[in-house]
Amino acid sequence: MSLGQITYGHIAGDDSDDAVVILDVKSRDRSWTSSVFLFTLRSGLVVLLAKFEAGFTLRRVAAENGQLIVEADEIGDAGMCCPVGISKSRYKWAAGRFVQVGEIERHLFR
């Protein structure tokens, strides 16, 4: 297991920075996956907002303009070796959970 990335930004709707933490986990068969954890501060305590497994296609997770941005490889017929593009999803924190905002953006390589 290794620390993949930590980024900060406003996601949970208050004035404090929230943390997006990515842990990369490699298995014995040399495959790997990314686990994403989202933390905030409440009354001076660190609180886990959400966590999810992002798989091995994850490119980037960040807080931007009050939203959680998730970018991942788009996989085509050739499989994991050869991504055909990048997808970008946006989420906002509402009623205690993340809700997708808009459509998934897809940018294909050509």
Protein backbone atom coordinates (compact mmCIF):
# COMPACT_ATOMS: atom_id res chain seq x y z
CA MET A 1 0.00 0.00 0.00
CA SER A 2 1.29 3.47 -0.80
CA LEU A 3 0.03 7.00 -0.55
CA GLY A 4 -1.05 8.03 -4.02
CA GLN A 5 -2.14 11.63 -3.60
CA ILE A 6 -3.58 14.13 -1.11
CA THR A 7 -5.42 17.23 -2.31
CA TYR A 8 -7.43 19.84 -0.44
CA GLY A 9 -10.43 21.97 -1.35
CA HIS A 10 -13.98 22.88 -0.41
CA ILE A 11 -16.37 19.99 -0.99
CA ALA A 12 -18.63 19.65 2.06
CA GLY A 13 -20.15 23.12 1.84
CA ASP A 14 -18.47 24.82 4.78
CA ASP A 15 -15.49 27.19 4.89
CA SER A 16 -12.88 24.59 5.86
CA ASP A 17 -10.76 22.66 3.42
CA ASP A 18 -11.66 19.02 2.92
CA ALA A 19 -9.04 16.38 2.15
CA VAL A 20 -9.10 13.89 -0.71
CA VAL A 21 -6.71 11.03 0.08
CA ILE A 22 -5.85 8.27 -2.41
CA LEU A 23 -4.22 5.03 -1.32
CA ASP A 24 -2.83 2.73 -4.00
CA VAL A 25 -2.92 -0.96 -3.13
CA LYS A 26 -0.88 -3.50 -5.10
CA SER A 27 -1.73 -7.16 -4.78
CA ARG A 28 0.57 -10.15 -5.01
CA ASP A 29 -0.40 -10.69 -8.66
CA ARG A 30 0.93 -7.16 -9.37
CA SER A 31 -2.51 -5.72 -10.11
CA TRP A 32 -3.45 -2.60 -8.20
CA THR A 33 -6.45 -0.57 -7.22
CA SER A 34 -7.01 2.88 -5.75
CA SER A 35 -9.07 3.61 -2.66
CA VAL A 36 -10.32 7.17 -2.24
CA PHE A 37 -11.11 8.68 1.17
CA LEU A 38 -12.75 12.08 1.70
CA PHE A 39 -12.28 13.81 5.05
CA THR A 40 -13.57 17.06 6.58
CA LEU A 41 -13.26 18.86 9.92
CA ARG A 42 -16.27 19.08 12.22
CA SER A 43 -15.89 20.76 15.62
CA GLY A 44 -12.12 20.34 15.33
CA LEU A 45 -12.32 16.60 14.64
CA VAL A 46 -11.44 14.78 11.42
CA VAL A 47 -14.54 13.08 10.00
CA LEU A 48 -14.66 10.58 7.12
CA LEU A 49 -17.28 11.83 4.66
CA ALA A 50 -17.05 9.02 2.14
CA LYS A 51 -14.82 6.33 0.71
CA PHE A 52 -14.90 4.40 -2.53
CA GLU A 53 -12.84 1.99 -4.58
CA ALA A 54 -11.81 3.68 -7.79
CA GLY A 55 -10.24 0.67 -9.45
CA PHE A 56 -7.11 0.82 -11.50
CA THR A 57 -8.38 3.21 -14.16
CA LEU A 58 -8.27 6.23 -11.84
CA ARG A 59 -6.29 9.20 -13.15
CA ARG A 60 -7.19 12.01 -10.75
CA VAL A 61 -9.55 12.94 -7.92
CA ALA A 62 -9.72 16.56 -6.77
CA ALA A 63 -11.86 19.21 -5.13
CA GLU A 64 -12.69 22.04 -7.55
CA ASN A 65 -15.24 24.82 -7.18
CA GLY A 66 -17.12 23.01 -4.40
CA GLN A 67 -17.31 19.77 -6.36
CA LEU A 68 -15.52 16.44 -6.30
CA ILE A 69 -13.93 15.73 -9.69
CA VAL A 70 -13.13 12.13 -10.68
CA GLU A 71 -11.15 11.41 -13.86
CA ALA A 72 -10.58 7.85 -15.09
CA ASP A 73 -9.37 6.03 -18.19
CA GLU A 74 -11.99 4.99 -20.72
CA ILE A 75 -11.27 1.37 -21.61
CA GLY A 76 -11.94 0.11 -25.13
CA ASP A 77 -11.94 -3.28 -26.82
CA ALA A 78 -8.16 -3.75 -26.41
CA GLY A 79 -8.51 -3.84 -22.62
CA MET A 80 -6.60 -2.18 -19.80
CA CYS A 81 -3.38 -1.80 -21.74
CA CYS A 82 -4.76 0.72 -24.17
CA PRO A 83 -7.19 3.37 -22.86
CA VAL A 84 -9.20 5.06 -25.60
CA GLY A 85 -9.91 8.26 -23.66
CA ILE A 86 -10.64 9.89 -20.33
CA SER A 87 -13.96 10.29 -18.50
CA LYS A 88 -14.63 13.13 -16.07
CA SER A 89 -17.43 13.01 -13.48
CA ARG A 90 -18.49 15.78 -11.10
CA TYR A 91 -20.21 15.36 -7.73
CA LYS A 92 -21.54 17.72 -5.08
CA TRP A 93 -22.10 17.04 -1.39
CA ALA A 94 -25.84 17.18 -0.65
CA ALA A 95 -27.94 15.73 2.18
CA GLY A 96 -25.01 13.75 3.57
CA ARG A 97 -23.88 12.08 0.32
CA PHE A 98 -22.28 12.76 -3.03
CA VAL A 99 -24.66 13.38 -5.93
CA GLN A 100 -23.54 13.41 -9.55
CA VAL A 101 -23.73 16.81 -11.24
CA GLY A 102 -24.43 16.81 -14.98
CA GLU A 103 -23.39 14.18 -17.46
CA ILE A 104 -20.09 12.30 -17.54
CA GLU A 105 -17.70 14.09 -19.90
CA ARG A 106 -15.83 11.79 -22.26
CA HIS A 107 -12.73 12.85 -24.17
CA LEU A 108 -11.60 10.21 -26.64
CA PHE A 109 -8.03 9.95 -27.94
CA ARG A 110 -7.66 10.07 -31.70
